[in-house]
C-alpha atoms as a PDB file:
ATOM      1  CA  UNK A   1      69.498 138.170 197.021  1.00  0.00           C
ATOM      2  CA  UNK A   2      69.833 141.249 194.851  1.00  0.00           C
ATOM      3  CA  UNK A   3      68.254 139.506 191.845  1.00  0.00           C
ATOM      4  CA  UNK A   4      65.073 138.907 193.870  1.00  0.00           C
ATOM      5  CA  UNK A   5      64.353 142.642 194.109  1.00  0.00           C
ATOM      6  CA  UNK A   6      63.929 142.752 197.883  1.00  0.00           C
ATOM      7  CA  UNK A   7      63.332 146.229 199.273  1.00  0.00           C
ATOM      8  CA  UNK A   8      64.113 147.424 202.774  1.00  0.00           C
ATOM      9  CA  UNK A   9      61.743 149.293 205.055  1.00  0.00           C
ATOM     10  CA  UNK A  10      64.100 152.282 204.870  1.00  0.00           C
ATOM     11  CA  UNK A  11      63.911 152.339 201.071  1.00  0.00           C
ATOM     12  CA  UNK A  12      60.130 152.137 201.114  1.00  0.00           C
ATOM     13  CA  UNK A  13      59.828 154.841 203.753  1.00  0.00           C
ATOM     14  CA  UNK A  14      62.081 157.128 201.709  1.00  0.00           C
ATOM     15  CA  UNK A  15      59.770 156.596 198.737  1.00  0.00           C
ATOM     16  CA  UNK A  16      56.693 157.332 200.844  1.00  0.00           C
ATOM     17  CA  UNK A  17      55.483 153.728 200.599  1.00  0.00           C
ATOM     18  CA  UNK A  18      54.422 151.132 203.142  1.00  0.00           C
ATOM     19  CA  UNK A  19      54.520 147.368 202.575  1.00  0.00           C
ATOM     20  CA  UNK A  20      51.637 145.003 203.266  1.00  0.00           C
ATOM     21  CA  UNK A  21      53.919 142.856 205.408  1.00  0.00           C
ATOM     22  CA  UNK A  22      57.375 142.873 206.922  1.00  0.00           C
ATOM     23  CA  UNK A  23      59.374 139.713 206.270  1.00  0.00           C
ATOM     24  CA  UNK A  24      61.301 139.062 209.477  1.00  0.00           C
ATOM     25  CA  UNK A  25      64.251 137.049 208.204  1.00  0.00           C
ATOM     26  CA  UNK A  26      65.777 136.028 211.532  1.00  0.00           C
ATOM     27  CA  UNK A  27      69.371 135.158 212.404  1.00  0.00           C
ATOM     28  CA  UNK A  28      69.337 131.710 210.783  1.00  0.00           C
ATOM     29  CA  UNK A  29      67.610 132.952 207.639  1.00  0.00           C
ATOM     30  CA  UNK A  30      70.178 135.732 207.319  1.00  0.00           C
ATOM     31  CA  UNK A  31      73.463 134.050 208.182  1.00  0.00           C
ATOM     32  CA  UNK A  32      73.174 130.259 207.984  1.00  0.00           C
ATOM     33  CA  UNK A  33      73.964 129.015 204.469  1.00  0.00           C
ATOM     34  CA  UNK A  34      71.282 126.333 204.609  1.00  0.00           C
ATOM     35  CA  UNK A  35      68.589 128.583 206.059  1.00  0.00           C
ATOM     36  CA  UNK A  36      69.317 131.304 203.485  1.00  0.00           C
ATOM     37  CA  UNK A  37      67.924 128.903 200.883  1.00  0.00           C
ATOM     38  CA  UNK A  38      64.672 128.807 202.870  1.00  0.00           C
ATOM     39  CA  UNK A  39      64.546 132.611 202.899  1.00  0.00           C
ATOM     40  CA  UNK A  40      65.029 132.669 199.137  1.00  0.00           C
ATOM     41  CA  UNK A  41      62.272 130.112 198.584  1.00  0.00           C
ATOM     42  CA  UNK A  42      59.817 132.126 200.679  1.00  0.00           C
ATOM     43  CA  UNK A  43      60.697 135.351 198.854  1.00  0.00           C
ATOM     44  CA  UNK A  44      60.017 133.677 195.511  1.00  0.00           C
ATOM     45  CA  UNK A  45      56.571 132.591 196.732  1.00  0.00           C
ATOM     46  CA  UNK A  46      55.795 136.092 198.015  1.00  0.00           C
ATOM     47  CA  UNK A  47      56.872 137.562 194.686  1.00  0.00           C
ATOM     48  CA  UNK A  48      54.725 135.052 192.799  1.00  0.00           C
ATOM     49  CA  UNK A  49      51.716 136.161 194.856  1.00  0.00           C
ATOM     50  CA  UNK A  50      52.636 139.809 194.172  1.00  0.00           C
ATOM     51  CA  UNK A  51      52.829 140.583 197.877  1.00  0.00           C
ATOM     52  CA  UNK A  52      54.197 144.023 198.661  1.00  0.00           C
ATOM     53  CA  UNK A  53      56.757 143.262 201.337  1.00  0.00           C
ATOM     54  CA  UNK A  54      60.002 144.562 202.760  1.00  0.00           C
ATOM     55  CA  UNK A  55      62.762 143.521 205.150  1.00  0.00           C
ATOM     56  CA  UNK A  56      64.588 145.527 207.806  1.00  0.00           C
ATOM     57  CA  UNK A  57      67.981 144.570 206.427  1.00  0.00           C
ATOM     58  CA  UNK A  58      70.807 145.755 208.685  1.00  0.00           C
ATOM     59  CA  UNK A  59      68.223 147.279 211.058  1.00  0.00           C
ATOM     60  CA  UNK A  60      67.001 143.806 212.042  1.00  0.00           C
ATOM     61  CA  UNK A  61      68.591 142.368 215.172  1.00  0.00           C
ATOM     62  CA  UNK A  62      68.111 139.025 216.921  1.00  0.00           C
ATOM     63  CA  UNK A  63      64.593 138.661 218.332  1.00  0.00           C
ATOM     64  CA  UNK A  64      66.132 137.777 221.693  1.00  0.00           C
ATOM     65  CA  UNK A  65      64.712 134.262 221.845  1.00  0.00           C
ATOM     66  CA  UNK A  66      68.017 132.444 222.569  1.00  0.00           C
ATOM     67  CA  UNK A  67      68.919 134.903 225.328  1.00  0.00           C
ATOM     68  CA  UNK A  68      65.534 134.516 227.023  1.00  0.00           C
ATOM     69  CA  UNK A  69      65.537 130.713 226.810  1.00  0.00           C
ATOM     70  CA  UNK A  70      69.060 130.639 228.229  1.00  0.00           C
ATOM     71  CA  UNK A  71      67.868 132.697 231.213  1.00  0.00           C
ATOM     72  CA  UNK A  72      69.304 136.106 230.330  1.00  0.00           C
ATOM     73  CA  UNK A  73      66.135 138.178 230.639  1.00  0.00           C
ATOM     74  CA  UNK A  74      68.088 141.438 230.750  1.00  0.00           C
ATOM     75  CA  UNK A  75      69.744 140.792 227.375  1.00  0.00           C
ATOM     76  CA  UNK A  76      66.417 139.644 225.900  1.00  0.00           C
ATOM     77  CA  UNK A  77      64.692 142.864 226.897  1.00  0.00           C
ATOM     78  CA  UNK A  78      67.540 144.955 225.506  1.00  0.00           C
ATOM     79  CA  UNK A  79      67.309 143.159 222.144  1.00  0.00           C
ATOM     80  CA  UNK A  80      63.512 143.248 222.101  1.00  0.00           C
ATOM     81  CA  UNK A  81      63.250 146.954 222.959  1.00  0.00           C
ATOM     82  CA  UNK A  82      65.747 147.814 220.232  1.00  0.00           C
ATOM     83  CA  UNK A  83      63.690 145.898 217.665  1.00  0.00           C
ATOM     84  CA  UNK A  84      60.391 147.302 218.908  1.00  0.00           C
ATOM     85  CA  UNK A  85      61.711 150.843 218.579  1.00  0.00           C
ATOM     86  CA  UNK A  86      62.598 150.193 214.939  1.00  0.00           C
ATOM     87  CA  UNK A  87      59.342 148.351 214.140  1.00  0.00           C
ATOM     88  CA  UNK A  88      57.164 151.024 215.719  1.00  0.00           C
ATOM     89  CA  UNK A  89      59.058 153.792 213.963  1.00  0.00           C
ATOM     90  CA  UNK A  90      58.084 152.206 210.640  1.00  0.00           C
ATOM     91  CA  UNK A  91      54.512 151.643 211.901  1.00  0.00           C
ATOM     92  CA  UNK A  92      54.728 147.910 211.133  1.00  0.00           C
ATOM     93  CA  UNK A  93      51.382 146.098 211.362  1.00  0.00           C
ATOM     94  CA  UNK A  94      51.949 142.603 209.952  1.00  0.00           C
ATOM     95  CA  UNK A  95      55.023 140.402 210.214  1.00  0.00           C
ATOM     96  CA  UNK A  96      55.776 137.085 208.474  1.00  0.00           C
ATOM     97  CA  UNK A  97      58.675 134.876 209.540  1.00  0.00           C
ATOM     98  CA  UNK A  98      59.899 131.393 208.637  1.00  0.00           C
ATOM     99  CA  UNK A  99      61.311 130.818 212.138  1.00  0.00           C
ATOM    100  CA  UNK A 100      58.922 129.557 214.856  1.00  0.00           C
ATOM    101  CA  UNK A 101      61.272 130.918 217.521  1.00  0.00           C
ATOM    102  CA  UNK A 102      61.022 134.448 216.125  1.00  0.00           C
ATOM    103  CA  UNK A 103      57.298 133.875 215.503  1.00  0.00           C
ATOM    104  CA  UNK A 104      56.641 132.908 219.118  1.00  0.00           C
ATOM    105  CA  UNK A 105      58.738 135.717 220.560  1.00  0.00           C
ATOM    106  CA  UNK A 106      57.321 138.466 218.342  1.00  0.00           C
ATOM    107  CA  UNK A 107      53.767 137.229 218.760  1.00  0.00           C
ATOM    108  CA  UNK A 108      53.628 136.436 222.470  1.00  0.00           C
ATOM    109  CA  UNK A 109      56.426 138.308 224.233  1.00  0.00           C
ATOM    110  CA  UNK A 110      56.855 141.594 222.361  1.00  0.00           C
ATOM    111  CA  UNK A 111      53.320 142.882 223.178  1.00  0.00           C
ATOM    112  CA  UNK A 112      54.207 143.140 226.880  1.00  0.00           C
ATOM    113  CA  UNK A 113      57.091 145.433 225.927  1.00  0.00           C
ATOM    114  CA  UNK A 114      55.055 147.669 223.611  1.00  0.00           C
ATOM    115  CA  UNK A 115      55.428 145.757 220.342  1.00  0.00           C
ATOM    116  CA  UNK A 116      51.955 144.747 219.201  1.00  0.00           C
ATOM    117  CA  UNK A 117      51.838 143.214 215.707  1.00  0.00           C
ATOM    118  CA  UNK A 118      49.904 140.652 213.725  1.00  0.00           C
ATOM    119  CA  UNK A 119      52.480 137.892 213.358  1.00  0.00           C
ATOM    120  CA  UNK A 120      52.247 134.964 210.923  1.00  0.00           C
ATOM    121  CA  UNK A 121      54.376 131.878 210.548  1.00  0.00           C
ATOM    122  CA  UNK A 122      55.170 131.543 206.848  1.00  0.00           C
ATOM    123  CA  UNK A 123      53.048 128.393 206.497  1.00  0.00           C
ATOM    124  CA  UNK A 124      50.036 130.288 207.839  1.00  0.00           C
ATOM    125  CA  UNK A 125      50.589 133.209 205.510  1.00  0.00           C
ATOM    126  CA  UNK A 126      51.181 131.049 202.442  1.00  0.00           C
ATOM    127  CA  UNK A 127      47.970 129.138 203.130  1.00  0.00           C
ATOM    128  CA  UNK A 128      46.165 132.480 203.519  1.00  0.00           C
ATOM    129  CA  UNK A 129      47.458 133.585 200.109  1.00  0.00           C
ATOM    130  CA  UNK A 130      46.189 130.327 198.592  1.00  0.00           C
ATOM    131  CA  UNK A 131      42.789 130.753 200.262  1.00  0.00           C
ATOM    132  CA  UNK A 132      42.540 134.285 198.852  1.00  0.00           C
ATOM    133  CA  UNK A 133      43.412 133.058 195.355  1.00  0.00           C
ATOM    134  CA  UNK A 134      46.581 135.121 195.207  1.00  0.00           C
ATOM    135  CA  UNK A 135      48.896 132.107 195.074  1.00  0.00           C
ATOM    136  CA  UNK A 136      48.630 128.790 193.270  1.00  0.00           C
ATOM    137  CA  UNK A 137      51.202 126.127 194.035  1.00  0.00           C
ATOM    138  CA  UNK A 138      52.303 122.727 192.821  1.00  0.00           C
ATOM    139  CA  UNK A 139      54.760 120.120 193.959  1.00  0.00           C
ATOM    140  CA  UNK A 140      56.911 120.017 190.855  1.00  0.00           C
ATOM    141  CA  UNK A 141      59.472 117.238 191.309  1.00  0.00           C
ATOM    142  CA  UNK A 142      58.000 116.546 194.764  1.00  0.00           C
ATOM    143  CA  UNK A 143      54.456 115.791 193.600  1.00  0.00           C
ATOM    144  CA  UNK A 144      53.252 112.426 194.865  1.00  0.00           C
ATOM    145  CA  UNK A 145      56.255 111.937 197.141  1.00  0.00           C
ATOM    146  CA  UNK A 146      55.941 110.288 200.547  1.00  0.00           C
ATOM    147  CA  UNK A 147      56.371 113.108 203.077  1.00  0.00           C
ATOM    148  CA  UNK A 148      56.399 113.180 206.874  1.00  0.00           C
ATOM    149  CA  UNK A 149      56.094 116.512 208.679  1.00  0.00           C
ATOM    150  CA  UNK A 150      57.961 117.349 211.875  1.00  0.00           C
ATOM    151  CA  UNK A 151      56.006 119.730 214.134  1.00  0.00           C
ATOM    152  CA  UNK A 152      58.307 122.471 215.492  1.00  0.00           C
ATOM    153  CA  UNK A 153      57.753 122.968 219.242  1.00  0.00           C
ATOM    154  CA  UNK A 154      57.130 126.708 219.129  1.00  0.00           C
ATOM    155  CA  UNK A 155      54.800 126.382 216.157  1.00  0.00           C
ATOM    156  CA  UNK A 156      52.754 123.411 217.353  1.00  0.00           C
ATOM    157  CA  UNK A 157      52.556 123.104 221.110  1.00  0.00           C
ATOM    158  CA  UNK A 158      53.628 126.716 221.606  1.00  0.00           C
ATOM    159  CA  UNK A 159      51.062 128.336 219.304  1.00  0.00           C
ATOM    160  CA  UNK A 160      48.675 125.559 218.268  1.00  0.00           C
ATOM    161  CA  UNK A 161      49.533 125.797 214.545  1.00  0.00           C
ATOM    162  CA  UNK A 162      49.113 122.297 213.159  1.00  0.00           C
ATOM    163  CA  UNK A 163      46.847 122.514 210.123  1.00  0.00           C
ATOM    164  CA  UNK A 164      48.466 125.136 207.879  1.00  0.00           C
ATOM    165  CA  UNK A 165      51.689 123.156 207.240  1.00  0.00           C
ATOM    166  CA  UNK A 166      49.747 119.999 206.450  1.00  0.00           C
ATOM    167  CA  UNK A 167      47.258 121.802 204.207  1.00  0.00           C
ATOM    168  CA  UNK A 168      50.154 123.180 202.166  1.00  0.00           C
ATOM    169  CA  UNK A 169      51.665 119.722 201.722  1.00  0.00           C
ATOM    170  CA  UNK A 170      48.310 118.338 200.591  1.00  0.00           C
ATOM    171  CA  UNK A 171      48.041 120.936 197.810  1.00  0.00           C
ATOM    172  CA  UNK A 172      49.941 118.753 195.346  1.00  0.00           C
ATOM    173  CA  UNK A 173      48.734 115.256 196.181  1.00  0.00           C
ATOM    174  CA  UNK A 174      51.700 114.235 198.277  1.00  0.00           C
ATOM    175  CA  UNK A 175      51.396 111.167 200.469  1.00  0.00           C
ATOM    176  CA  UNK A 176      51.489 112.697 203.939  1.00  0.00           C
ATOM    177  CA  UNK A 177      52.427 110.172 206.626  1.00  0.00           C
ATOM    178  CA  UNK A 178      52.480 111.053 210.311  1.00  0.00           C
ATOM    179  CA  UNK A 179      55.188 110.035 212.742  1.00  0.00           C
ATOM    180  CA  UNK A 180      54.162 108.070 215.816  1.00  0.00           C
ATOM    181  CA  UNK A 181      54.671 111.211 217.896  1.00  0.00           C
ATOM    182  CA  UNK A 182      53.116 114.146 216.075  1.00  0.00           C
ATOM    183  CA  UNK A 183      51.005 117.269 216.578  1.00  0.00           C
ATOM    184  CA  UNK A 184      50.596 118.011 220.322  1.00  0.00           C
ATOM    185  CA  UNK A 185      52.564 114.854 221.159  1.00  0.00           C
ATOM    186  CA  UNK A 186      55.467 115.613 218.804  1.00  0.00           C
ATOM    187  CA  UNK A 187      59.052 115.177 219.995  1.00  0.00           C
ATOM    188  CA  UNK A 188      61.397 118.166 220.005  1.00  0.00           C
ATOM    189  CA  UNK A 189      64.261 118.105 217.489  1.00  0.00           C
ATOM    190  CA  UNK A 190      66.658 118.954 220.293  1.00  0.00           C
ATOM    191  CA  UNK A 191      67.501 122.549 219.355  1.00  0.00           C
ATOM    192  CA  UNK A 192      64.854 124.557 221.231  1.00  0.00           C
ATOM    193  CA  UNK A 193      65.393 126.423 224.477  1.00  0.00           C
ATOM    194  CA  UNK A 194      68.802 127.645 223.224  1.00  0.00           C
ATOM    195  CA  UNK A 195      70.047 124.026 223.199  1.00  0.00           C
ATOM    196  CA  UNK A 196      71.178 124.681 219.618  1.00  0.00           C
ATOM    197  CA  UNK A 197      74.091 126.702 220.971  1.00  0.00           C
ATOM    198  CA  UNK A 198      75.433 124.487 223.756  1.00  0.00           C
ATOM    199  CA  UNK A 199      77.194 121.177 224.116  1.00  0.00           C
ATOM    200  CA  UNK A 200      75.166 118.036 224.705  1.00  0.00           C
ATOM    201  CA  UNK A 201      74.544 116.879 228.233  1.00  0.00           C
ATOM    202  CA  UNK A 202      75.223 113.334 229.395  1.00  0.00           C
ATOM    203  CA  UNK A 203      72.761 110.706 228.220  1.00  0.00           C
ATOM    204  CA  UNK A 204      72.240 107.587 226.162  1.00  0.00           C
ATOM    205  CA  UNK A 205      71.125 109.203 222.892  1.00  0.00           C
ATOM    206  CA  UNK A 206      70.951 112.607 221.236  1.00  0.00           C
ATOM    207  CA  UNK A 207      67.412 113.991 220.891  1.00  0.00           C
ATOM    208  CA  UNK A 208      67.878 114.671 217.173  1.00  0.00           C
ATOM    209  CA  UNK A 209      68.934 111.046 216.640  1.00  0.00           C
ATOM    210  CA  UNK A 210      65.778 109.825 218.389  1.00  0.00           C
ATOM    211  CA  UNK A 211      63.582 112.116 216.292  1.00  0.00           C
ATOM    212  CA  UNK A 212      65.318 111.252 213.027  1.00  0.00           C
ATOM    213  CA  UNK A 213      64.839 107.575 213.853  1.00  0.00           C
ATOM    214  CA  UNK A 214      61.093 108.159 214.213  1.00  0.00           C
ATOM    215  CA  UNK A 215      60.980 109.953 210.879  1.00  0.00           C
ATOM    216  CA  UNK A 216      62.987 107.265 209.059  1.00  0.00           C
ATOM    217  CA  UNK A 217      60.587 104.630 210.409  1.00  0.00           C
ATOM    218  CA  UNK A 218      57.900 106.126 208.124  1.00  0.00           C
ATOM    219  CA  UNK A 219      60.081 105.382 205.073  1.00  0.00           C
ATOM    220  CA  UNK A 220      59.640 108.921 203.657  1.00  0.00           C
ATOM    221  CA  UNK A 221      61.149 110.485 200.578  1.00  0.00           C
ATOM    222  CA  UNK A 222      61.113 113.841 202.346  1.00  0.00           C
ATOM    223  CA  UNK A 223      61.089 115.065 205.924  1.00  0.00           C
ATOM    224  CA  UNK A 224      59.303 118.424 205.826  1.00  0.00           C
ATOM    225  CA  UNK A 225      60.050 121.091 208.407  1.00  0.00           C
ATOM    226  CA  UNK A 226      58.835 124.587 209.189  1.00  0.00           C
ATOM    227  CA  UNK A 227      61.833 125.741 211.224  1.00  0.00           C
ATOM    228  CA  UNK A 228      65.501 126.348 210.321  1.00  0.00           C
ATOM    229  CA  UNK A 229      66.643 124.875 213.667  1.00  0.00           C
ATOM    230  CA  UNK A 230      64.608 121.697 213.097  1.00  0.00           C
ATOM    231  CA  UNK A 231      66.006 121.521 209.575  1.00  0.00           C
ATOM    232  CA  UNK A 232      69.572 121.542 210.888  1.00  0.00           C
ATOM    233  CA  UNK A 233      68.947 118.953 213.591  1.00  0.00           C
ATOM    234  CA  UNK A 234      67.015 116.527 211.404  1.00  0.00           C
ATOM    235  CA  UNK A 235      69.606 116.843 208.649  1.00  0.00           C
ATOM    236  CA  UNK A 236      72.255 115.840 211.192  1.00  0.00           C
ATOM    237  CA  UNK A 237      70.010 112.958 212.254  1.00  0.00           C
ATOM    238  CA  UNK A 238      69.637 111.691 208.714  1.00  0.00           C
ATOM    239  CA  UNK A 239      73.406 111.849 208.268  1.00  0.00           C
ATOM    240  CA  UNK A 240      73.836 109.899 211.512  1.00  0.00           C
ATOM    241  CA  UNK A 241      71.953 107.013 209.890  1.00  0.00           C
ATOM    242  CA  UNK A 242      73.695 107.500 206.499  1.00  0.00           C
ATOM    243  CA  UNK A 243      70.351 108.222 204.825  1.00  0.00           C
ATOM    244  CA  UNK A 244      71.206 111.595 203.270  1.00  0.00           C
ATOM    245  CA  UNK A 245      71.228 110.115 199.753  1.00  0.00           C
ATOM    246  CA  UNK A 246      67.754 108.609 200.197  1.00  0.00           C
ATOM    247  CA  UNK A 247      65.855 111.155 202.300  1.00  0.00           C
ATOM    248  CA  UNK A 248      65.737 114.928 201.846  1.00  0.00           C
ATOM    249  CA  UNK A 249      65.088 117.364 204.696  1.00  0.00           C
ATOM    250  CA  UNK A 250      63.321 120.416 203.288  1.00  0.00           C
ATOM    251  CA  UNK A 251      61.367 123.392 204.530  1.00  0.00           C
ATOM    252  CA  UNK A 252      57.785 123.484 203.266  1.00  0.00           C
ATOM    253  CA  UNK A 253      58.551 126.668 201.321  1.00  0.00           C
ATOM    254  CA  UNK A 254      61.171 124.693 199.379  1.00  0.00           C
ATOM    255  CA  UNK A 255      58.750 121.890 198.538  1.00  0.00           C
ATOM    256  CA  UNK A 256      55.819 123.874 197.147  1.00  0.00           C
ATOM    257  CA  UNK A 257      56.416 125.652 193.851  1.00  0.00           C
ATOM    258  CA  UNK A 258      54.450 128.678 192.571  1.00  0.00           C
ATOM    259  CA  UNK A 259      52.380 128.136 189.435  1.00  0.00           C
ATOM    260  CA  UNK A 260      53.132 130.894 186.938  1.00  0.00           C
ATOM    261  CA  UNK A 261      50.145 133.068 186.118  1.00  0.00           C
END
């Protein structure tokens, strides 16, 4: 990402500067080839809005979410305390992340361990930038497309964030269609609770297949997500039904395009 001019907290601190926000990239956004594209899209939007931001770079470790969900509280607290020590040393106030799992953990579980920050999911922060007039977006090639949005568990039911993602999608006159199970009644993609990293249990159908089936029933051009885990699972679901050439699975940050000032 060198061409995107991303600065680290260490570089800013050495220059005597402090960013407005810390972009918490997360494990998926750092290492997964597909999720890296989401990170790049978000960075481009932040740059377009002239947001002064930084990343931790090699100082960022896993938030500890998978360890906690898998029942290893000891490992979670070790990972969390290490991150909190780094964040507090840089006097971080505001954090933006594109991963609802990191968002939920940083927002709701770090405070009890001494890490108190104002944490935004990227859809919330992007909508805030639009409301403040700092960012203007368009749909580009996606304008007017039929889009269905999948509510990530830790964003929706976990933190009651339902409107921001939908408001972003409505910015460019897309046709937003809801799945039968949506908002507080939405079905999990199948990856939460550390299920992403284990083999499937016995059953009649994979959860991601069930959810993809519900999305396909809306006959969308695009399935929009706000989570790298959901993106992976729904992409697999679309491939299961051989629909990958007809339906795209994209993060909201990849769908909206900044309007040049």
